[in-house]
Every structure is written in C-alpha cells, then in structure tokens.
Amino acid sequence: MRLHTSIAAILMTVALAGCETSEQGQRAGTGALIGGAGGALVGQAIGRDTKSTLIGAGAGALLGAAVGSSTTPQRRGQEMCRYQDRSGRIYTAPCDDRYYNGDY
C-alpha cells in the first residue's frame, strides 16, 4: 500500500510541476523534483529507514526549489523604469536601451 501511495504522490508532483507557466516556476518545480529525489537517496543511505528517506526527500525538495527559483536568469527588458513626460506625468514602463547602456 505504501508503494502505491508513494508512486501516486510522485506522479502527481510531476504532473503539477508541468503546469507552471513562468520560467521561474518551472525551474523551481524541476529543482524540487531533482532535490527531492536526491534527498530521498541520501536520507535512505544515511538512516536506512522510511522516516529518514522522507525527511531527506522533503529537505531536498525545499532546497532544490529554492535553488531552482533563485538561479532563473534575468532577461533584458524585465526591469521597469520610471519616466516623466513633458507635462510632468510620471509613469512606469519597461526600461529602454538608455538603462542598459548607463545613459539614464
């Protein structure tokens, strides 16, 4: 019974990780899967029981999600800059080349 529950949980995690649309979310999901698998292996190798395996899988998934999320490359154009038009109105818009060239 435990084996079937574990397999179902893994399949649901994989299915839900594929539903994320942003690159950061996809990287976090992939990191969680890889980290969870690695953590489970390390937990089993150290403790040689189910409790250690589950603790290792949980810790690995958390660490993998954090690393995957934080290593998302920033693409040019994601930054927002504040501009002021000739009438004095201030607005925000994606930064233009002046921001990237240091001519702002």
PDB file of N, CA and C in Angstrom:
ATOM      1  N   MET A   1       0.818  -1.195   0.000  1.00  0.00           N
ATOM      2  CA  MET A   1       0.000   0.000   0.000  1.00  0.00           C
ATOM      3  C   MET A   1       0.860   1.257   0.000  1.00  0.00           C
ATOM      4  N   ARG A   2       1.936   1.250   0.791  1.00  0.00           N
ATOM      5  CA  ARG A   2       2.809   2.425   0.836  1.00  0.00           C
ATOM      6  C   ARG A   2       3.459   2.692  -0.514  1.00  0.00           C
ATOM      7  N   LEU A   3       3.808   1.629  -1.208  1.00  0.00           N
ATOM      8  CA  LEU A   3       4.446   1.784  -2.512  1.00  0.00           C
ATOM      9  C   LEU A   3       3.494   2.460  -3.499  1.00  0.00           C
ATOM     10  N   HIS A   4       2.239   2.045  -3.491  1.00  0.00           N
ATOM     11  CA  HIS A   4       1.260   2.650  -4.391  1.00  0.00           C
ATOM     12  C   HIS A   4       1.023   4.119  -4.055  1.00  0.00           C
ATOM     13  N   THR A   5       0.987   4.434  -2.770  1.00  0.00           N
ATOM     14  CA  THR A   5       0.790   5.823  -2.346  1.00  0.00           C
ATOM     15  C   THR A   5       1.990   6.674  -2.756  1.00  0.00           C
ATOM     16  N   SER A   6       3.185   6.136  -2.579  1.00  0.00           N
ATOM     17  CA  SER A   6       4.394   6.873  -2.958  1.00  0.00           C
ATOM     18  C   SER A   6       4.447   7.118  -4.459  1.00  0.00           C
ATOM     19  N   ILE A   7       4.121   6.118  -5.226  1.00  0.00           N
ATOM     20  CA  ILE A   7       4.130   6.269  -6.680  1.00  0.00           C
ATOM     21  C   ILE A   7       3.090   7.294  -7.119  1.00  0.00           C
ATOM     22  N   ALA A   8       1.913   7.252  -6.521  1.00  0.00           N
ATOM     23  CA  ALA A   8       0.866   8.220  -6.863  1.00  0.00           C
ATOM     24  C   ALA A   8       1.294   9.640  -6.513  1.00  0.00           C
ATOM     25  N   ALA A   9       1.946   9.804  -5.361  1.00  0.00           N
ATOM     26  CA  ALA A   9       2.413  11.142  -4.962  1.00  0.00           C
ATOM     27  C   ALA A   9       3.471  11.662  -5.922  1.00  0.00           C
ATOM     28  N   ILE A  10       4.366  10.821  -6.345  1.00  0.00           N
ATOM     29  CA  ILE A  10       5.420  11.231  -7.278  1.00  0.00           C
ATOM     30  C   ILE A  10       4.816  11.609  -8.632  1.00  0.00           C
ATOM     31  N   LEU A  11       3.882  10.813  -9.118  1.00  0.00           N
ATOM     32  CA  LEU A  11       3.259  11.115 -10.404  1.00  0.00           C
ATOM     33  C   LEU A  11       2.459  12.416 -10.354  1.00  0.00           C
ATOM     34  N   MET A  12       1.773  12.673  -9.254  1.00  0.00           N
ATOM     35  CA  MET A  12       1.023  13.922  -9.124  1.00  0.00           C
ATOM     36  C   MET A  12       1.963  15.120  -9.066  1.00  0.00           C
ATOM     37  N   THR A  13       3.089  14.972  -8.373  1.00  0.00           N
ATOM     38  CA  THR A  13       4.065  16.059  -8.298  1.00  0.00           C
ATOM     39  C   THR A  13       4.617  16.380  -9.677  1.00  0.00           C
ATOM     40  N   VAL A  14       4.950  15.361 -10.441  1.00  0.00           N
ATOM     41  CA  VAL A  14       5.469  15.566 -11.792  1.00  0.00           C
ATOM     42  C   VAL A  14       4.412  16.238 -12.670  1.00  0.00           C
ATOM     43  N   ALA A  15       3.174  15.793 -12.551  1.00  0.00           N
ATOM     44  CA  ALA A  15       2.103  16.375 -13.364  1.00  0.00           C
ATOM     45  C   ALA A  15       1.868  17.830 -13.007  1.00  0.00           C
ATOM     46  N   LEU A  16       1.868  18.153 -11.727  1.00  0.00           N
ATOM     47  CA  LEU A  16       1.642  19.537 -11.310  1.00  0.00           C
ATOM     48  C   LEU A  16       2.822  20.436 -11.640  1.00  0.00           C
ATOM     49  N   ALA A  17       4.025  19.902 -11.596  1.00  0.00           N
ATOM     50  CA  ALA A  17       5.196  20.714 -11.937  1.00  0.00           C
ATOM     51  C   ALA A  17       5.154  21.128 -13.405  1.00  0.00           C
ATOM     52  N   GLY A  18       4.560  20.325 -14.244  1.00  0.00           N
ATOM     53  CA  GLY A  18       4.455  20.659 -15.659  1.00  0.00           C
ATOM     54  C   GLY A  18       3.415  21.723 -15.961  1.00  0.00           C
ATOM     55  N   CYS A  19       2.562  22.056 -15.002  1.00  0.00           N
ATOM     56  CA  CYS A  19       1.505  23.041 -15.223  1.00  0.00           C
ATOM     57  C   CYS A  19       1.979  24.480 -15.020  1.00  0.00           C
ATOM     58  N   GLU A  20       3.107  24.683 -14.426  1.00  0.00           N
ATOM     59  CA  GLU A  20       3.601  26.029 -14.144  1.00  0.00           C
ATOM     60  C   GLU A  20       3.985  26.710 -15.461  1.00  0.00           C
ATOM     61  N   THR A  21       3.628  27.994 -15.600  1.00  0.00           N
ATOM     62  CA  THR A  21       3.850  28.670 -16.867  1.00  0.00           C
ATOM     63  C   THR A  21       5.084  29.558 -16.874  1.00  0.00           C
ATOM     64  N   SER A  22       5.462  30.135 -15.762  1.00  0.00           N
ATOM     65  CA  SER A  22       6.618  31.026 -15.765  1.00  0.00           C
ATOM     66  C   SER A  22       7.911  30.213 -15.720  1.00  0.00           C
ATOM     67  N   GLU A  23       8.963  30.797 -16.255  1.00  0.00           N
ATOM     68  CA  GLU A  23      10.252  30.105 -16.259  1.00  0.00           C
ATOM     69  C   GLU A  23      10.746  29.884 -14.842  1.00  0.00           C
ATOM     70  N   GLN A  24      10.548  30.870 -13.977  1.00  0.00           N
ATOM     71  CA  GLN A  24      10.984  30.741 -12.593  1.00  0.00           C
ATOM     72  C   GLN A  24      10.238  29.598 -11.897  1.00  0.00           C
ATOM     73  N   GLY A  25       8.940  29.497 -12.149  1.00  0.00           N
ATOM     74  CA  GLY A  25       8.158  28.415 -11.562  1.00  0.00           C
ATOM     75  C   GLY A  25       8.553  27.053 -12.093  1.00  0.00           C
ATOM     76  N   GLN A  26       8.855  26.990 -13.384  1.00  0.00           N
ATOM     77  CA  GLN A  26       9.296  25.723 -13.975  1.00  0.00           C
ATOM     78  C   GLN A  26      10.634  25.298 -13.384  1.00  0.00           C
ATOM     79  N   ARG A  27      11.541  26.251 -13.220  1.00  0.00           N
ATOM     80  CA  ARG A  27      12.845  25.914 -12.650  1.00  0.00           C
ATOM     81  C   ARG A  27      12.715  25.490 -11.199  1.00  0.00           C
ATOM     82  N   ALA A  28      11.810  26.134 -10.453  1.00  0.00           N
ATOM     83  CA  ALA A  28      11.580  25.757  -9.061  1.00  0.00           C
ATOM     84  C   ALA A  28      10.989  24.351  -8.975  1.00  0.00           C
ATOM     85  N   GLY A  29      10.039  24.042  -9.868  1.00  0.00           N
ATOM     86  CA  GLY A  29       9.446  22.705  -9.879  1.00  0.00           C
ATOM     87  C   GLY A  29      10.442  21.631 -10.235  1.00  0.00           C
ATOM     88  N   THR A  30      11.259  21.904 -11.236  1.00  0.00           N
ATOM     89  CA  THR A  30      12.287  20.941 -11.622  1.00  0.00           C
ATOM     90  C   THR A  30      13.312  20.761 -10.509  1.00  0.00           C
ATOM     91  N   GLY A  31      13.701  21.873  -9.884  1.00  0.00           N
ATOM     92  CA  GLY A  31      14.642  21.794  -8.761  1.00  0.00           C
ATOM     93  C   GLY A  31      14.081  20.998  -7.602  1.00  0.00           C
ATOM     94  N   ALA A  32      12.780  21.174  -7.340  1.00  0.00           N
ATOM     95  CA  ALA A  32      12.140  20.426  -6.258  1.00  0.00           C
ATOM     96  C   ALA A  32      12.129  18.932  -6.555  1.00  0.00           C
ATOM     97  N   LEU A  33      11.841  18.573  -7.797  1.00  0.00           N
ATOM     98  CA  LEU A  33      11.833  17.153  -8.160  1.00  0.00           C
ATOM     99  C   LEU A  33      13.215  16.528  -8.042  1.00  0.00           C
ATOM    100  N   ILE A  34      14.210  17.212  -8.585  1.00  0.00           N
ATOM    101  CA  ILE A  34      15.575  16.678  -8.537  1.00  0.00           C
ATOM    102  C   ILE A  34      16.083  16.657  -7.100  1.00  0.00           C
ATOM    103  N   GLY A  35      15.825  17.739  -6.366  1.00  0.00           N
ATOM    104  CA  GLY A  35      16.261  17.800  -4.974  1.00  0.00           C
ATOM    105  C   GLY A  35      15.570  16.768  -4.109  1.00  0.00           C
ATOM    106  N   GLY A  36      14.276  16.553  -4.350  1.00  0.00           N
ATOM    107  CA  GLY A  36      13.546  15.545  -3.587  1.00  0.00           C
ATOM    108  C   GLY A  36      14.072  14.143  -3.835  1.00  0.00           C
ATOM    109  N   ALA A  37      14.365  13.842  -5.083  1.00  0.00           N
ATOM    110  CA  ALA A  37      14.910  12.522  -5.407  1.00  0.00           C
ATOM    111  C   ALA A  37      16.295  12.332  -4.790  1.00  0.00           C
ATOM    112  N   GLY A  38      17.133  13.353  -4.929  1.00  0.00           N
ATOM    113  CA  GLY A  38      18.471  13.267  -4.343  1.00  0.00           C
ATOM    114  C   GLY A  38      18.427  13.185  -2.827  1.00  0.00           C
ATOM    115  N   GLY A  39      17.546  13.987  -2.220  1.00  0.00           N
ATOM    116  CA  GLY A  39      17.408  13.955  -0.769  1.00  0.00           C
ATOM    117  C   GLY A  39      16.900  12.619  -0.269  1.00  0.00           C
ATOM    118  N   ALA A  40      15.986  12.010  -1.007  1.00  0.00           N
ATOM    119  CA  ALA A  40      15.486  10.691  -0.622  1.00  0.00           C
ATOM    120  C   ALA A  40      16.606   9.651  -0.659  1.00  0.00           C
ATOM    121  N   LEU A  41      17.429   9.715  -1.683  1.00  0.00           N
ATOM    122  CA  LEU A  41      18.558   8.769  -1.775  1.00  0.00           C
ATOM    123  C   LEU A  41      19.543   8.962  -0.626  1.00  0.00           C
ATOM    124  N   VAL A  42      19.861  10.224  -0.333  1.00  0.00           N
ATOM    125  CA  VAL A  42      20.797  10.495   0.761  1.00  0.00           C
ATOM    126  C   VAL A  42      20.186  10.088   2.102  1.00  0.00           C
ATOM    127  N   GLY A  43      18.895  10.408   2.301  1.00  0.00           N
ATOM    128  CA  GLY A  43      18.233  10.021   3.545  1.00  0.00           C
ATOM    129  C   GLY A  43      18.203   8.521   3.748  1.00  0.00           C
ATOM    130  N   GLN A  44      17.944   7.792   2.677  1.00  0.00           N
ATOM    131  CA  GLN A  44      17.929   6.332   2.774  1.00  0.00           C
ATOM    132  C   GLN A  44      19.326   5.795   3.055  1.00  0.00           C
ATOM    133  N   ALA A  45      20.340   6.377   2.428  1.00  0.00           N
ATOM    134  CA  ALA A  45      21.708   5.902   2.637  1.00  0.00           C
ATOM    135  C   ALA A  45      22.177   6.164   4.064  1.00  0.00           C
ATOM    136  N   ILE A  46      21.749   7.282   4.639  1.00  0.00           N
ATOM    137  CA  ILE A  46      22.192   7.616   5.998  1.00  0.00           C
ATOM    138  C   ILE A  46      21.392   6.863   7.050  1.00  0.00           C
ATOM    139  N   GLY A  47      20.059   6.926   6.971  1.00  0.00           N
ATOM    140  CA  GLY A  47      19.233   6.366   8.035  1.00  0.00           C
ATOM    141  C   GLY A  47      18.763   4.950   7.820  1.00  0.00           C
ATOM    142  N   ARG A  48      18.691   4.503   6.586  1.00  0.00           N
ATOM    143  CA  ARG A  48      18.242   3.162   6.234  1.00  0.00           C
ATOM    144  C   ARG A  48      16.839   2.826   6.756  1.00  0.00           C
ATOM    145  N   ASP A  49      15.963   3.846   6.801  1.00  0.00           N
ATOM    146  CA  ASP A  49      14.565   3.593   7.155  1.00  0.00           C
ATOM    147  C   ASP A  49      13.679   4.604   6.431  1.00  0.00           C
ATOM    148  N   THR A  50      12.377   4.383   6.492  1.00  0.00           N
ATOM    149  CA  THR A  50      11.426   5.220   5.769  1.00  0.00           C
ATOM    150  C   THR A  50      11.420   6.651   6.282  1.00  0.00           C
ATOM    151  N   LYS A  51      11.523   6.813   7.586  1.00  0.00           N
ATOM    152  CA  LYS A  51      11.492   8.156   8.173  1.00  0.00           C
ATOM    153  C   LYS A  51      12.642   9.002   7.635  1.00  0.00           C
ATOM    154  N   SER A  52      13.831   8.456   7.595  1.00  0.00           N
ATOM    155  CA  SER A  52      14.993   9.187   7.082  1.00  0.00           C
ATOM    156  C   SER A  52      14.831   9.507   5.602  1.00  0.00           C
ATOM    157  N   THR A  53      14.264   8.591   4.855  1.00  0.00           N
ATOM    158  CA  THR A  53      14.042   8.806   3.433  1.00  0.00           C
ATOM    159  C   THR A  53      13.072   9.962   3.211  1.00  0.00           C
ATOM    160  N   LEU A  54      11.984  10.002   3.971  1.00  0.00           N
ATOM    161  CA  LEU A  54      11.001  11.066   3.821  1.00  0.00           C
ATOM    162  C   LEU A  54      11.553  12.414   4.258  1.00  0.00           C
ATOM    163  N   ILE A  55      12.320  12.432   5.331  1.00  0.00           N
ATOM    164  CA  ILE A  55      12.932  13.687   5.783  1.00  0.00           C
ATOM    165  C   ILE A  55      13.920  14.188   4.730  1.00  0.00           C
ATOM    166  N   GLY A  56      14.727  13.295   4.189  1.00  0.00           N
ATOM    167  CA  GLY A  56      15.677  13.670   3.140  1.00  0.00           C
ATOM    168  C   GLY A  56      14.982  14.169   1.894  1.00  0.00           C
ATOM    169  N   ALA A  57      13.880  13.523   1.524  1.00  0.00           N
ATOM    170  CA  ALA A  57      13.133  13.944   0.332  1.00  0.00           C
ATOM    171  C   ALA A  57      12.530  15.330   0.534  1.00  0.00           C
ATOM    172  N   GLY A  58      11.969  15.581   1.701  1.00  0.00           N
ATOM    173  CA  GLY A  58      11.389  16.899   1.985  1.00  0.00           C
ATOM    174  C   GLY A  58      12.428  18.002   1.989  1.00  0.00           C
ATOM    175  N   ALA A  59      13.540  17.745   2.674  1.00  0.00           N
ATOM    176  CA  ALA A  59      14.603  18.754   2.737  1.00  0.00           C
ATOM    177  C   ALA A  59      15.205  18.994   1.359  1.00  0.00           C
ATOM    178  N   GLY A  60      15.405  17.938   0.594  1.00  0.00           N
ATOM    179  CA  GLY A  60      15.946  18.080  -0.757  1.00  0.00           C
ATOM    180  C   GLY A  60      15.013  18.830  -1.683  1.00  0.00           C
ATOM    181  N   ALA A  61      13.711  18.581  -1.542  1.00  0.00           N
ATOM    182  CA  ALA A  61      12.738  19.283  -2.379  1.00  0.00           C
ATOM    183  C   ALA A  61      12.717  20.772  -2.064  1.00  0.00           C
ATOM    184  N   LEU A  62      12.757  21.118  -0.795  1.00  0.00           N
ATOM    185  CA  LEU A  62      12.781  22.540  -0.421  1.00  0.00           C
ATOM    186  C   LEU A  62      14.042  23.228  -0.932  1.00  0.00           C
ATOM    187  N   LEU A  63      15.171  22.594  -0.719  1.00  0.00           N
ATOM    188  CA  LEU A  63      16.427  23.186  -1.172  1.00  0.00           C
ATOM    189  C   LEU A  63      16.475  23.256  -2.694  1.00  0.00           C
ATOM    190  N   GLY A  64      16.020  22.230  -3.378  1.00  0.00           N
ATOM    191  CA  GLY A  64      16.010  22.229  -4.841  1.00  0.00           C
ATOM    192  C   GLY A  64      15.104  23.307  -5.406  1.00  0.00           C
ATOM    193  N   ALA A  65      13.936  23.513  -4.792  1.00  0.00           N
ATOM    194  CA  ALA A  65      13.021  24.561  -5.257  1.00  0.00           C
ATOM    195  C   ALA A  65      13.634  25.940  -5.060  1.00  0.00           C
ATOM    196  N   ALA A  66      14.286  26.144  -3.919  1.00  0.00           N
ATOM    197  CA  ALA A  66      14.911  27.449  -3.652  1.00  0.00           C
ATOM    198  C   ALA A  66      16.037  27.728  -4.636  1.00  0.00           C
ATOM    199  N   VAL A  67      16.868  26.732  -4.884  1.00  0.00           N
ATOM    200  CA  VAL A  67      17.980  26.920  -5.819  1.00  0.00           C
ATOM    201  C   VAL A  67      17.458  27.111  -7.244  1.00  0.00           C
ATOM    202  N   GLY A  68      16.486  26.317  -7.651  1.00  0.00           N
ATOM    203  CA  GLY A  68      15.927  26.455  -8.997  1.00  0.00           C
ATOM    204  C   GLY A  68      15.289  27.806  -9.222  1.00  0.00           C
ATOM    205  N   SER A  69      14.592  28.300  -8.220  1.00  0.00           N
ATOM    206  CA  SER A  69      13.932  29.598  -8.336  1.00  0.00           C
ATOM    207  C   SER A  69      14.933  30.745  -8.382  1.00  0.00           C
ATOM    208  N   SER A  70      15.969  30.643  -7.566  1.00  0.00           N
ATOM    209  CA  SER A  70      16.923  31.754  -7.480  1.00  0.00           C
ATOM    210  C   SER A  70      17.912  31.790  -8.634  1.00  0.00           C
ATOM    211  N   THR A  71      18.049  30.717  -9.376  1.00  0.00           N
ATOM    212  CA  THR A  71      19.006  30.703 -10.490  1.00  0.00           C
ATOM    213  C   THR A  71      18.358  31.016 -11.825  1.00  0.00           C
ATOM    214  N   THR A  72      17.131  31.507 -11.812  1.00  0.00           N
ATOM    215  CA  THR A  72      16.471  31.877 -13.057  1.00  0.00           C
ATOM    216  C   THR A  72      17.180  33.082 -13.667  1.00  0.00           C
ATOM    217  N   PRO A  73      17.651  32.984 -14.898  1.00  0.00           N
ATOM    218  CA  PRO A  73      18.345  34.129 -15.495  1.00  0.00           C
ATOM    219  C   PRO A  73      17.380  35.287 -15.750  1.00  0.00           C
ATOM    220  N   GLN A  74      17.869  36.480 -15.503  1.00  0.00           N
ATOM    221  CA  GLN A  74      17.066  37.673 -15.764  1.00  0.00           C
ATOM    222  C   GLN A  74      17.232  38.060 -17.227  1.00  0.00           C
ATOM    223  N   ARG A  75      16.129  38.227 -17.901  1.00  0.00           N
ATOM    224  CA  ARG A  75      16.175  38.613 -19.307  1.00  0.00           C
ATOM    225  C   ARG A  75      16.106  40.119 -19.435  1.00  0.00           C
ATOM    226  N   ARG A  76      16.732  40.606 -20.455  1.00  0.00           N
ATOM    227  CA  ARG A  76      16.720  42.028 -20.730  1.00  0.00           C
ATOM    228  C   ARG A  76      15.297  42.470 -21.057  1.00  0.00           C
ATOM    229  N   GLY A  77      14.863  43.536 -20.433  1.00  0.00           N
ATOM    230  CA  GLY A  77      13.534  44.050 -20.683  1.00  0.00           C
ATOM    231  C   GLY A  77      12.542  43.746 -19.585  1.00  0.00           C
ATOM    232  N   GLN A  78      12.940  42.964 -18.582  1.00  0.00           N
ATOM    233  CA  GLN A  78      12.037  42.670 -17.489  1.00  0.00           C
ATOM    234  C   GLN A  78      11.988  43.800 -16.469  1.00  0.00           C
ATOM    235  N   GLU A  79      13.034  44.606 -16.413  1.00  0.00           N
ATOM    236  CA  GLU A  79      13.069  45.677 -15.434  1.00  0.00           C
ATOM    237  C   GLU A  79      12.101  46.783 -15.829  1.00  0.00           C
ATOM    238  N   MET A  80      11.507  47.397 -14.825  1.00  0.00           N
ATOM    239  CA  MET A  80      10.591  48.508 -15.067  1.00  0.00           C
ATOM    240  C   MET A  80      11.273  49.794 -14.605  1.00  0.00           C
ATOM    241  N   CYS A  81      11.155  50.844 -15.402  1.00  0.00           N
ATOM    242  CA  CYS A  81      11.749  52.141 -15.076  1.00  0.00           C
ATOM    243  C   CYS A  81      10.640  53.181 -14.942  1.00  0.00           C
ATOM    244  N   ARG A  82      10.951  54.246 -14.198  1.00  0.00           N
ATOM    245  CA  ARG A  82      10.008  55.360 -14.069  1.00  0.00           C
ATOM    246  C   ARG A  82      10.427  56.454 -15.049  1.00  0.00           C
ATOM    247  N   TYR A  83       9.460  56.974 -15.767  1.00  0.00           N
ATOM    248  CA  TYR A  83       9.692  58.033 -16.737  1.00  0.00           C
ATOM    249  C   TYR A  83       8.785  59.214 -16.409  1.00  0.00           C
ATOM    250  N   GLN A  84       9.172  60.389 -16.912  1.00  0.00           N
ATOM    251  CA  GLN A  84       8.349  61.583 -16.760  1.00  0.00           C
ATOM    252  C   GLN A  84       8.177  62.207 -18.139  1.00  0.00           C
ATOM    253  N   ASP A  85       6.913  62.415 -18.528  1.00  0.00           N
ATOM    254  CA  ASP A  85       6.682  63.019 -19.832  1.00  0.00           C
ATOM    255  C   ASP A  85       6.769  64.544 -19.734  1.00  0.00           C
ATOM    256  N   ARG A  86       6.592  65.226 -20.841  1.00  0.00           N
ATOM    257  CA  ARG A  86       6.778  66.674 -20.886  1.00  0.00           C
ATOM    258  C   ARG A  86       5.779  67.448 -20.040  1.00  0.00           C
ATOM    259  N   SER A  87       4.617  66.860 -19.800  1.00  0.00           N
ATOM    260  CA  SER A  87       3.617  67.541 -18.972  1.00  0.00           C
ATOM    261  C   SER A  87       3.833  67.275 -17.483  1.00  0.00           C
ATOM    262  N   GLY A  88       4.833  66.495 -17.126  1.00  0.00           N
ATOM    263  CA  GLY A  88       5.149  66.223 -15.730  1.00  0.00           C
ATOM    264  C   GLY A  88       4.556  64.942 -15.186  1.00  0.00           C
ATOM    265  N   ARG A  89       3.780  64.247 -16.004  1.00  0.00           N
ATOM    266  CA  ARG A  89       3.173  62.985 -15.560  1.00  0.00           C
ATOM    267  C   ARG A  89       4.255  61.911 -15.444  1.00  0.00           C
ATOM    268  N   ILE A  90       4.264  61.191 -14.313  1.00  0.00           N
ATOM    269  CA  ILE A  90       5.232  60.118 -14.095  1.00  0.00           C
ATOM    270  C   ILE A  90       4.542  58.789 -14.356  1.00  0.00           C
ATOM    271  N   TYR A  91       5.206  57.929 -15.091  1.00  0.00           N
ATOM    272  CA  TYR A  91       4.651  56.613 -15.411  1.00  0.00           C
ATOM    273  C   TYR A  91       5.765  55.583 -15.403  1.00  0.00           C
ATOM    274  N   THR A  92       5.391  54.311 -15.353  1.00  0.00           N
ATOM    275  CA  THR A  92       6.364  53.220 -15.408  1.00  0.00           C
ATOM    276  C   THR A  92       6.175  52.464 -16.712  1.00  0.00           C
ATOM    277  N   ALA A  93       7.289  51.996 -17.240  1.00  0.00           N
ATOM    278  CA  ALA A  93       7.292  51.230 -18.485  1.00  0.00           C
ATOM    279  C   ALA A  93       8.566  50.385 -18.506  1.00  0.00           C
ATOM    280  N   PRO A  94       8.618  49.373 -19.358  1.00  0.00           N
ATOM    281  CA  PRO A  94       9.861  48.603 -19.466  1.00  0.00           C
ATOM    282  C   PRO A  94      11.025  49.528 -19.823  1.00  0.00           C
ATOM    283  N   CYS A  95      12.164  49.260 -19.223  1.00  0.00           N
ATOM    284  CA  CYS A  95      13.339  50.102 -19.441  1.00  0.00           C
ATOM    285  C   CYS A  95      13.804  50.012 -20.897  1.00  0.00           C
ATOM    286  N   ASP A  96      14.297  51.138 -21.423  1.00  0.00           N
ATOM    287  CA  ASP A  96      14.813  51.148 -22.790  1.00  0.00           C
ATOM    288  C   ASP A  96      16.335  51.008 -22.760  1.00  0.00           C
ATOM    289  N   ASP A  97      16.964  51.155 -23.920  1.00  0.00           N
ATOM    290  CA  ASP A  97      18.407  50.933 -24.026  1.00  0.00           C
ATOM    291  C   ASP A  97      19.231  51.899 -23.190  1.00  0.00           C
ATOM    292  N   ARG A  98      18.710  53.084 -22.893  1.00  0.00           N
ATOM    293  CA  ARG A  98      19.463  54.025 -22.064  1.00  0.00           C
ATOM    294  C   ARG A  98      19.772  53.415 -20.686  1.00  0.00           C
ATOM    295  N   TYR A  99      18.846  52.630 -20.164  1.00  0.00           N
ATOM    296  CA  TYR A  99      19.042  51.993 -18.857  1.00  0.00           C
ATOM    297  C   TYR A  99      20.192  50.995 -18.923  1.00  0.00           C
ATOM    298  N   TYR A 100      20.222  50.210 -19.977  1.00  0.00           N
ATOM    299  CA  TYR A 100      21.232  49.155 -20.093  1.00  0.00           C
ATOM    300  C   TYR A 100      22.605  49.719 -20.465  1.00  0.00           C
ATOM    301  N   ASN A 101      22.643  50.851 -21.137  1.00  0.00           N
ATOM    302  CA  ASN A 101      23.913  51.463 -21.540  1.00  0.00           C
ATOM    303  C   ASN A 101      24.462  52.414 -20.474  1.00  0.00           C
ATOM    304  N   GLY A 102      23.699  52.690 -19.443  1.00  0.00           N
ATOM    305  CA  GLY A 102      24.134  53.605 -18.384  1.00  0.00           C
ATOM    306  C   GLY A 102      23.936  55.066 -18.742  1.00  0.00           C
ATOM    307  N   ASP A 103      23.125  55.382 -19.745  1.00  0.00           N
ATOM    308  CA  ASP A 103      22.889  56.760 -20.185  1.00  0.00           C
ATOM    309  C   ASP A 103      21.571  57.308 -19.645  1.00  0.00           C
ATOM    310  N   TYR A 104      21.241  57.017 -18.419  1.00  0.00           N
ATOM    311  CA  TYR A 104      19.946  57.464 -17.883  1.00  0.00           C
ATOM    312  C   TYR A 104      20.109  58.616 -16.932  1.00  0.00           C
TER     313      TYR A 104
END
